[in-house]
Amino acid sequence: MKRVNFTLDEATIALLDEIAERYYHSNKSLTVRAALESLATHLGHNGWIIAGFTPVVAESEAECHSCHHTYPPGTTLYRPVFTRGRAQNALQEIPKEVWLECGECVSEDLRP
């Protein structure tokens, strides 16, 4: 994590506060991250962005994509939900492997 200092005008601060409170539990870091990801998508980002996660109960032994810890059947893990950029070949570039994340890695990903 790295601290970045920049100056925002009052109207931008008010907008950041409002969006953070309404959609991101007042977490301004997540709000700025989401805004930057959205901007990248609209500027023609060619890849895929993880827009969120959906819970999945593992039917068999499963491995976390990030930490590679193995979890037994019945464990709740999280499958990423991807948002596509504007590239024409993006559909062929979406990850094809089974991609599950454990709760700890998802929480780490969402921390400011």
N, C-alpha and C. Protein backbone atom coordinates (compact mmCIF):
# COMPACT_ATOMS: atom_id res chain seq x y z
N MET A 1 0.85 -1.17 0.00
CA MET A 1 0.00 0.00 0.00
C MET A 1 0.90 1.22 0.00
N LYS A 2 0.45 2.24 -0.71
CA LYS A 2 1.22 3.47 -0.82
C LYS A 2 0.28 4.65 -0.62
N ARG A 3 0.71 5.60 0.18
CA ARG A 3 -0.07 6.82 0.40
C ARG A 3 0.21 7.78 -0.74
N VAL A 4 -0.87 8.36 -1.29
CA VAL A 4 -0.75 9.33 -2.37
C VAL A 4 -1.46 10.60 -1.92
N ASN A 5 -0.77 11.71 -2.03
CA ASN A 5 -1.37 12.99 -1.66
C ASN A 5 -1.74 13.76 -2.91
N PHE A 6 -2.99 14.22 -2.98
CA PHE A 6 -3.43 15.09 -4.06
C PHE A 6 -4.53 15.97 -3.54
N THR A 7 -4.77 17.07 -4.25
CA THR A 7 -5.75 18.06 -3.81
C THR A 7 -6.99 17.97 -4.69
N LEU A 8 -8.15 17.96 -4.05
CA LEU A 8 -9.43 17.94 -4.77
C LEU A 8 -10.23 19.17 -4.38
N ASP A 9 -11.01 19.69 -5.33
CA ASP A 9 -11.85 20.84 -5.01
C ASP A 9 -13.02 20.39 -4.14
N GLU A 10 -13.71 21.35 -3.55
CA GLU A 10 -14.79 21.06 -2.60
C GLU A 10 -15.92 20.23 -3.22
N ALA A 11 -16.28 20.53 -4.47
CA ALA A 11 -17.36 19.79 -5.12
C ALA A 11 -16.96 18.33 -5.32
N THR A 12 -15.71 18.08 -5.66
CA THR A 12 -15.23 16.71 -5.86
C THR A 12 -15.18 15.97 -4.53
N ILE A 13 -14.76 16.64 -3.48
CA ILE A 13 -14.75 16.03 -2.15
C ILE A 13 -16.16 15.65 -1.73
N ALA A 14 -17.12 16.54 -1.97
CA ALA A 14 -18.52 16.26 -1.61
C ALA A 14 -19.03 15.06 -2.40
N LEU A 15 -18.71 14.99 -3.67
CA LEU A 15 -19.14 13.86 -4.50
C LEU A 15 -18.50 12.56 -4.03
N LEU A 16 -17.20 12.60 -3.72
CA LEU A 16 -16.50 11.43 -3.20
C LEU A 16 -17.14 10.95 -1.90
N ASP A 17 -17.42 11.87 -1.00
CA ASP A 17 -18.06 11.51 0.27
C ASP A 17 -19.43 10.86 0.04
N GLU A 18 -20.22 11.45 -0.86
CA GLU A 18 -21.57 10.95 -1.12
C GLU A 18 -21.53 9.54 -1.72
N ILE A 19 -20.68 9.34 -2.73
CA ILE A 19 -20.60 8.03 -3.38
C ILE A 19 -20.02 6.99 -2.42
N ALA A 20 -19.00 7.38 -1.67
CA ALA A 20 -18.39 6.44 -0.72
C ALA A 20 -19.40 6.00 0.33
N GLU A 21 -20.17 6.94 0.85
CA GLU A 21 -21.17 6.61 1.87
C GLU A 21 -22.30 5.74 1.30
N ARG A 22 -22.76 6.09 0.12
CA ARG A 22 -23.90 5.41 -0.47
C ARG A 22 -23.56 3.99 -0.95
N TYR A 23 -22.40 3.81 -1.56
CA TYR A 23 -22.10 2.54 -2.22
C TYR A 23 -20.95 1.74 -1.62
N TYR A 24 -20.06 2.38 -0.85
CA TYR A 24 -18.84 1.70 -0.41
C TYR A 24 -18.62 1.80 1.10
N HIS A 25 -19.67 1.85 1.86
CA HIS A 25 -19.58 1.87 3.33
C HIS A 25 -18.60 2.94 3.81
N SER A 26 -18.62 4.08 3.16
CA SER A 26 -17.78 5.24 3.47
C SER A 26 -16.28 5.02 3.20
N ASN A 27 -15.95 3.96 2.48
CA ASN A 27 -14.55 3.65 2.17
C ASN A 27 -14.14 4.43 0.92
N LYS A 28 -13.41 5.52 1.12
CA LYS A 28 -13.03 6.38 0.01
C LYS A 28 -12.01 5.72 -0.91
N SER A 29 -11.16 4.88 -0.37
CA SER A 29 -10.18 4.19 -1.21
C SER A 29 -10.87 3.27 -2.21
N LEU A 30 -11.86 2.51 -1.75
CA LEU A 30 -12.62 1.65 -2.66
C LEU A 30 -13.38 2.47 -3.69
N THR A 31 -13.88 3.61 -3.27
CA THR A 31 -14.62 4.48 -4.17
C THR A 31 -13.72 5.00 -5.30
N VAL A 32 -12.52 5.44 -4.95
CA VAL A 32 -11.58 5.93 -5.95
C VAL A 32 -11.15 4.78 -6.86
N ARG A 33 -10.90 3.59 -6.29
CA ARG A 33 -10.51 2.44 -7.10
C ARG A 33 -11.61 2.11 -8.13
N ALA A 34 -12.85 2.06 -7.67
CA ALA A 34 -13.97 1.75 -8.57
C ALA A 34 -14.08 2.81 -9.67
N ALA A 35 -13.88 4.06 -9.31
CA ALA A 35 -13.95 5.13 -10.31
C ALA A 35 -12.83 4.98 -11.35
N LEU A 36 -11.63 4.64 -10.90
CA LEU A 36 -10.52 4.46 -11.83
C LEU A 36 -10.74 3.25 -12.73
N GLU A 37 -11.27 2.15 -12.17
CA GLU A 37 -11.56 0.97 -12.98
C GLU A 37 -12.63 1.28 -14.02
N SER A 38 -13.64 2.03 -13.61
CA SER A 38 -14.69 2.42 -14.54
C SER A 38 -14.12 3.31 -15.64
N LEU A 39 -13.28 4.24 -15.27
CA LEU A 39 -12.65 5.12 -16.26
C LEU A 39 -11.81 4.31 -17.24
N ALA A 40 -11.02 3.37 -16.73
CA ALA A 40 -10.19 2.53 -17.60
C ALA A 40 -11.05 1.77 -18.60
N THR A 41 -12.18 1.25 -18.14
CA THR A 41 -13.09 0.52 -19.03
C THR A 41 -13.63 1.43 -20.12
N HIS A 42 -14.04 2.62 -19.75
CA HIS A 42 -14.62 3.54 -20.72
C HIS A 42 -13.59 4.13 -21.66
N LEU A 43 -12.32 4.08 -21.29
CA LEU A 43 -11.26 4.60 -22.16
C LEU A 43 -10.72 3.52 -23.09
N GLY A 44 -11.36 2.36 -23.09
CA GLY A 44 -10.95 1.31 -24.01
C GLY A 44 -10.05 0.28 -23.39
N HIS A 45 -10.13 0.08 -22.09
CA HIS A 45 -9.36 -0.96 -21.42
C HIS A 45 -9.57 -2.27 -22.15
N ASN A 46 -8.51 -2.94 -22.55
CA ASN A 46 -8.62 -4.13 -23.38
C ASN A 46 -8.87 -5.41 -22.61
N GLY A 47 -8.61 -5.41 -21.34
CA GLY A 47 -8.74 -6.64 -20.58
C GLY A 47 -10.04 -6.74 -19.82
N TRP A 48 -9.98 -7.50 -18.78
CA TRP A 48 -11.14 -7.74 -17.93
C TRP A 48 -10.85 -7.18 -16.55
N ILE A 49 -11.87 -6.64 -15.93
CA ILE A 49 -11.77 -6.08 -14.58
C ILE A 49 -12.70 -6.87 -13.69
N ILE A 50 -12.23 -7.21 -12.49
CA ILE A 50 -13.11 -7.89 -11.53
C ILE A 50 -14.05 -6.84 -10.96
N ALA A 51 -15.34 -7.02 -11.25
CA ALA A 51 -16.36 -6.06 -10.80
C ALA A 51 -16.89 -6.41 -9.42
N GLY A 52 -16.68 -7.63 -8.97
CA GLY A 52 -17.17 -8.07 -7.68
C GLY A 52 -16.99 -9.57 -7.56
N PHE A 53 -17.58 -10.14 -6.53
CA PHE A 53 -17.47 -11.57 -6.29
C PHE A 53 -18.83 -12.13 -5.93
N THR A 54 -19.06 -13.38 -6.31
CA THR A 54 -20.30 -14.06 -5.94
C THR A 54 -19.93 -15.31 -5.15
N PRO A 55 -20.65 -15.60 -4.06
CA PRO A 55 -20.31 -16.78 -3.25
C PRO A 55 -20.65 -18.08 -3.97
N VAL A 56 -19.79 -19.06 -3.76
CA VAL A 56 -19.96 -20.39 -4.34
C VAL A 56 -19.59 -21.41 -3.27
N VAL A 57 -20.42 -22.43 -3.10
CA VAL A 57 -20.09 -23.51 -2.18
C VAL A 57 -19.33 -24.57 -2.97
N ALA A 58 -18.10 -24.84 -2.55
CA ALA A 58 -17.25 -25.80 -3.27
C ALA A 58 -17.88 -27.20 -3.20
N GLU A 59 -18.06 -27.81 -4.37
CA GLU A 59 -18.63 -29.16 -4.44
C GLU A 59 -17.56 -30.22 -4.23
N SER A 60 -16.32 -29.87 -4.50
CA SER A 60 -15.19 -30.77 -4.28
C SER A 60 -14.04 -29.93 -3.73
N GLU A 61 -12.92 -30.56 -3.44
CA GLU A 61 -11.77 -29.82 -2.94
C GLU A 61 -11.43 -28.71 -3.94
N ALA A 62 -11.15 -27.50 -3.45
CA ALA A 62 -10.89 -26.37 -4.33
C ALA A 62 -9.72 -25.55 -3.80
N GLU A 63 -9.02 -24.91 -4.72
CA GLU A 63 -7.85 -24.11 -4.37
C GLU A 63 -8.15 -22.63 -4.61
N CYS A 64 -7.69 -21.79 -3.67
CA CYS A 64 -7.82 -20.34 -3.83
C CYS A 64 -6.85 -19.89 -4.92
N HIS A 65 -7.33 -19.09 -5.84
CA HIS A 65 -6.52 -18.60 -6.96
C HIS A 65 -5.36 -17.74 -6.48
N SER A 66 -5.55 -16.98 -5.39
CA SER A 66 -4.52 -16.05 -4.93
C SER A 66 -3.52 -16.67 -3.96
N CYS A 67 -4.01 -17.30 -2.91
CA CYS A 67 -3.09 -17.82 -1.88
C CYS A 67 -2.77 -19.30 -2.07
N HIS A 68 -3.50 -19.97 -2.96
CA HIS A 68 -3.30 -21.39 -3.30
C HIS A 68 -3.56 -22.34 -2.13
N HIS A 69 -4.25 -21.86 -1.12
CA HIS A 69 -4.65 -22.75 -0.01
C HIS A 69 -5.76 -23.65 -0.53
N THR A 70 -5.76 -24.90 -0.12
CA THR A 70 -6.78 -25.86 -0.55
C THR A 70 -7.89 -25.92 0.49
N TYR A 71 -9.14 -25.92 0.02
CA TYR A 71 -10.31 -25.94 0.90
C TYR A 71 -11.14 -27.18 0.63
N PRO A 72 -11.74 -27.75 1.69
CA PRO A 72 -12.54 -28.97 1.53
C PRO A 72 -13.91 -28.68 0.92
N PRO A 73 -14.59 -29.71 0.43
CA PRO A 73 -15.95 -29.54 -0.09
C PRO A 73 -16.84 -28.91 0.99
N GLY A 74 -17.78 -28.09 0.55
CA GLY A 74 -18.71 -27.44 1.48
C GLY A 74 -18.25 -26.06 1.93
N THR A 75 -17.00 -25.69 1.62
CA THR A 75 -16.48 -24.37 1.99
C THR A 75 -17.06 -23.31 1.06
N THR A 76 -17.43 -22.17 1.61
CA THR A 76 -17.88 -21.07 0.77
C THR A 76 -16.67 -20.30 0.27
N LEU A 77 -16.53 -20.26 -1.04
CA LEU A 77 -15.48 -19.49 -1.70
C LEU A 77 -16.16 -18.46 -2.59
N TYR A 78 -15.39 -17.68 -3.31
CA TYR A 78 -15.95 -16.58 -4.08
C TYR A 78 -15.42 -16.59 -5.50
N ARG A 79 -16.35 -16.56 -6.46
CA ARG A 79 -16.01 -16.54 -7.88
C ARG A 79 -16.05 -15.08 -8.34
N PRO A 80 -15.01 -14.62 -9.05
CA PRO A 80 -15.02 -13.24 -9.53
C PRO A 80 -16.07 -13.03 -10.63
N VAL A 81 -16.63 -11.85 -10.64
CA VAL A 81 -17.54 -11.43 -11.69
C VAL A 81 -16.76 -10.40 -12.51
N PHE A 82 -16.56 -10.70 -13.78
CA PHE A 82 -15.74 -9.85 -14.63
C PHE A 82 -16.57 -8.83 -15.40
N THR A 83 -15.99 -7.66 -15.60
CA THR A 83 -16.54 -6.64 -16.47
C THR A 83 -15.57 -6.50 -17.63
N ARG A 84 -16.09 -6.50 -18.83
CA ARG A 84 -15.27 -6.48 -20.03
C ARG A 84 -14.93 -5.06 -20.45
N GLY A 85 -13.71 -4.89 -20.95
CA GLY A 85 -13.32 -3.64 -21.57
C GLY A 85 -13.91 -3.57 -22.98
N ARG A 86 -13.44 -2.65 -23.80
CA ARG A 86 -14.02 -2.46 -25.12
C ARG A 86 -13.28 -3.20 -26.23
N ALA A 87 -12.33 -4.02 -25.92
CA ALA A 87 -11.57 -4.73 -26.94
C ALA A 87 -12.44 -5.75 -27.66
N GLN A 88 -12.25 -5.88 -28.96
CA GLN A 88 -13.04 -6.84 -29.74
C GLN A 88 -12.72 -8.27 -29.36
N ASN A 89 -11.49 -8.56 -28.96
CA ASN A 89 -11.08 -9.92 -28.63
C ASN A 89 -11.20 -10.23 -27.14
N ALA A 90 -11.84 -9.38 -26.39
CA ALA A 90 -11.90 -9.56 -24.94
C ALA A 90 -12.53 -10.88 -24.54
N LEU A 91 -13.54 -11.33 -25.27
CA LEU A 91 -14.21 -12.58 -24.91
C LEU A 91 -13.23 -13.75 -24.93
N GLN A 92 -12.33 -13.77 -25.88
CA GLN A 92 -11.34 -14.84 -25.95
C GLN A 92 -10.27 -14.71 -24.88
N GLU A 93 -10.13 -13.52 -24.30
CA GLU A 93 -9.08 -13.27 -23.31
C GLU A 93 -9.54 -13.48 -21.87
N ILE A 94 -10.82 -13.74 -21.63
CA ILE A 94 -11.29 -13.95 -20.26
C ILE A 94 -10.64 -15.22 -19.72
N PRO A 95 -10.23 -15.20 -18.45
CA PRO A 95 -9.59 -16.39 -17.87
C PRO A 95 -10.47 -17.62 -18.01
N LYS A 96 -9.88 -18.72 -18.47
CA LYS A 96 -10.64 -19.95 -18.70
C LYS A 96 -10.56 -20.93 -17.53
N GLU A 97 -9.56 -20.76 -16.68
CA GLU A 97 -9.41 -21.68 -15.56
C GLU A 97 -10.49 -21.42 -14.50
N VAL A 98 -10.72 -22.43 -13.67
CA VAL A 98 -11.63 -22.25 -12.54
C VAL A 98 -10.97 -21.26 -11.60
N TRP A 99 -11.66 -20.20 -11.28
CA TRP A 99 -11.08 -19.12 -10.49
C TRP A 99 -11.95 -18.90 -9.27
N LEU A 100 -11.47 -19.34 -8.13
CA LEU A 100 -12.15 -19.13 -6.86
C LEU A 100 -11.19 -18.45 -5.90
N GLU A 101 -11.73 -17.58 -5.07
CA GLU A 101 -10.95 -16.88 -4.05
C GLU A 101 -11.52 -17.22 -2.68
N CYS A 102 -10.64 -17.35 -1.69
CA CYS A 102 -11.11 -17.57 -0.33
C CYS A 102 -11.56 -16.23 0.26
N GLY A 103 -12.31 -16.27 1.33
CA GLY A 103 -12.82 -15.06 1.97
C GLY A 103 -11.72 -14.12 2.41
N GLU A 104 -10.61 -14.67 2.89
CA GLU A 104 -9.51 -13.83 3.35
C GLU A 104 -8.88 -13.04 2.20
N CYS A 105 -8.68 -13.70 1.05
CA CYS A 105 -8.10 -13.01 -0.11
C CYS A 105 -9.06 -11.98 -0.68
N VAL A 106 -10.35 -12.29 -0.71
CA VAL A 106 -11.34 -11.32 -1.19
C VAL A 106 -11.35 -10.11 -0.25
N SER A 107 -11.32 -10.34 1.05
CA SER A 107 -11.31 -9.24 2.01
C SER A 107 -10.04 -8.40 1.86
N GLU A 108 -8.91 -9.05 1.63
CA GLU A 108 -7.65 -8.35 1.43
C GLU A 108 -7.73 -7.47 0.19
N ASP A 109 -8.35 -7.98 -0.86
CA ASP A 109 -8.51 -7.26 -2.11
C ASP A 109 -9.37 -6.02 -1.93
N LEU A 110 -10.30 -6.07 -0.99
CA LEU A 110 -11.24 -4.96 -0.80
C LEU A 110 -10.80 -3.95 0.24
N ARG A 111 -9.69 -4.22 0.92
CA ARG A 111 -9.22 -3.29 1.95
C ARG A 111 -8.63 -2.05 1.31
N PRO A 112 -8.79 -0.91 1.98
CA PRO A 112 -8.21 0.33 1.43
C PRO A 112 -6.70 0.31 1.51
